[in-house]
């Protein structure tokens, strides 16, 4: 029996390397390269987390129905026109899987988001 083998090209993908967390001589570094917030979480986000703490043992709504409905209402859209994901990495990967296949050419900026060539 042979070992599982990834698809061609997978092992050629360079791994993501995050920005530096420390800089010699600097006492306070704000790591913008990884989109870290310089001010910490919003007090409203902290309160929302506290309120939801008793429900954290349950899976969240994977379809984000409540969120999509609120966004649709606010922006005068249909909820079916809105896609939610667990970050831009997931959304980019979903788009590539939906619209590009083996052998398709996908163009992206050389200096864009590091997830583009990985997706």
Protein backbone atom coordinates (compact mmCIF):
# COMPACT_ATOMS: atom_id res chain seq x y z
CA UNK A 1 0.00 0.00 0.00
CA UNK A 2 1.41 3.40 -0.93
CA UNK A 3 1.44 6.46 1.29
CA UNK A 4 -1.01 9.29 0.56
CA UNK A 5 0.42 11.76 -1.95
CA UNK A 6 -0.66 15.40 -2.24
CA UNK A 7 -1.78 16.80 -5.58
CA UNK A 8 0.95 17.99 -7.95
CA UNK A 9 2.35 21.38 -6.97
CA UNK A 10 1.20 21.29 -3.34
CA UNK A 11 4.67 20.56 -1.97
CA UNK A 12 6.07 23.40 -4.12
CA UNK A 13 4.00 26.04 -2.30
CA UNK A 14 6.12 28.18 0.00
CA UNK A 15 4.68 28.27 3.53
CA UNK A 16 3.29 31.53 4.88
CA UNK A 17 5.77 33.37 7.10
CA UNK A 18 4.21 36.02 9.31
CA UNK A 19 5.73 39.43 9.97
CA UNK A 20 8.32 39.98 12.68
CA UNK A 21 6.98 40.24 16.23
CA UNK A 22 10.05 41.96 17.63
CA UNK A 23 12.40 44.69 16.48
CA UNK A 24 15.73 45.25 18.19
CA UNK A 25 15.77 48.48 20.18
CA UNK A 26 12.00 49.04 20.01
CA UNK A 27 9.91 48.75 23.16
CA UNK A 28 6.46 48.92 21.58
CA UNK A 29 5.96 47.26 18.20
CA UNK A 30 2.61 47.22 16.44
CA UNK A 31 2.66 44.33 13.98
CA UNK A 32 0.67 45.70 11.05
CA UNK A 33 1.87 42.98 8.67
CA UNK A 34 -0.42 40.45 10.33
CA UNK A 35 -3.37 42.83 10.71
CA UNK A 36 -3.11 42.88 14.48
CA UNK A 37 -5.10 45.63 16.12
CA UNK A 38 -2.93 48.28 17.76
CA UNK A 39 -5.61 49.21 20.30
CA UNK A 40 -6.73 45.77 21.42
CA UNK A 41 -10.29 44.50 21.24
CA UNK A 42 -13.22 46.88 21.31
CA UNK A 43 -15.04 47.08 24.66
CA UNK A 44 -18.20 46.09 22.73
CA UNK A 45 -16.46 42.94 21.44
CA UNK A 46 -15.33 42.05 24.96
CA UNK A 47 -18.89 42.47 26.25
CA UNK A 48 -20.29 40.36 23.39
CA UNK A 49 -17.80 37.60 24.25
CA UNK A 50 -18.85 37.72 27.91
CA UNK A 51 -22.52 37.46 26.94
CA UNK A 52 -21.88 34.48 24.67
CA UNK A 53 -19.57 32.60 27.08
CA UNK A 54 -22.31 30.22 28.22
CA UNK A 55 -22.97 29.13 24.62
CA UNK A 56 -19.36 28.58 23.50
CA UNK A 57 -19.70 24.80 23.78
CA UNK A 58 -22.09 24.81 20.78
CA UNK A 59 -21.16 25.08 17.12
CA UNK A 60 -21.87 28.51 15.67
CA UNK A 61 -24.30 29.03 12.80
CA UNK A 62 -22.10 27.85 9.92
CA UNK A 63 -24.32 29.56 7.37
CA UNK A 64 -24.20 32.85 9.27
CA UNK A 65 -27.92 33.23 8.66
CA UNK A 66 -28.61 35.85 11.32
CA UNK A 67 -25.60 37.93 10.23
CA UNK A 68 -26.41 37.64 6.52
CA UNK A 69 -30.03 38.63 7.19
CA UNK A 70 -28.99 41.72 9.20
CA UNK A 71 -26.45 42.76 6.55
CA UNK A 72 -28.98 42.22 3.77
CA UNK A 73 -31.51 44.37 5.60
CA UNK A 74 -28.99 47.13 6.29
CA UNK A 75 -27.63 47.27 2.72
CA UNK A 76 -30.86 46.50 0.83
CA UNK A 77 -29.63 43.15 -0.50
CA UNK A 78 -30.86 39.58 -0.53
CA UNK A 79 -29.23 37.37 2.11
CA UNK A 80 -28.34 34.91 -0.68
CA UNK A 81 -26.07 37.59 -2.18
CA UNK A 82 -23.84 37.60 0.92
CA UNK A 83 -21.09 35.09 1.65
CA UNK A 84 -19.49 34.90 5.08
CA UNK A 85 -16.35 33.05 6.03
CA UNK A 86 -13.80 32.54 8.75
CA UNK A 87 -11.43 35.19 7.42
CA UNK A 88 -10.21 36.21 4.01
CA UNK A 89 -8.11 33.03 3.64
CA UNK A 90 -11.26 30.90 3.64
CA UNK A 91 -13.18 33.22 1.32
CA UNK A 92 -10.33 33.34 -1.21
CA UNK A 93 -10.03 29.54 -1.12
CA UNK A 94 -13.80 29.13 -1.61
CA UNK A 95 -13.75 31.50 -4.60
CA UNK A 96 -10.86 29.64 -6.21
CA UNK A 97 -12.54 26.27 -5.66
CA UNK A 98 -15.81 27.58 -7.09
CA UNK A 99 -14.45 29.31 -10.19
CA UNK A 100 -11.02 27.89 -11.06
CA UNK A 101 -10.06 24.33 -11.86
CA UNK A 102 -6.95 22.33 -12.69
CA UNK A 103 -5.07 23.99 -15.53
CA UNK A 104 -6.93 27.32 -15.25
CA UNK A 105 -4.88 30.49 -15.16
CA UNK A 106 -5.60 32.83 -12.25
CA UNK A 107 -4.03 36.29 -12.23
CA UNK A 108 -3.10 38.12 -9.05
CA UNK A 109 -0.78 40.94 -8.05
CA UNK A 110 2.81 39.97 -7.28
CA UNK A 111 2.72 42.25 -4.24
CA UNK A 112 -0.75 41.31 -3.04
CA UNK A 113 -1.97 39.10 -0.23
CA UNK A 114 0.27 36.09 0.47
CA UNK A 115 -2.74 33.75 0.41
CA UNK A 116 -3.30 34.26 -3.34
CA UNK A 117 -0.60 31.86 -4.60
CA UNK A 118 -1.42 29.32 -1.90
CA UNK A 119 -5.14 29.22 -2.81
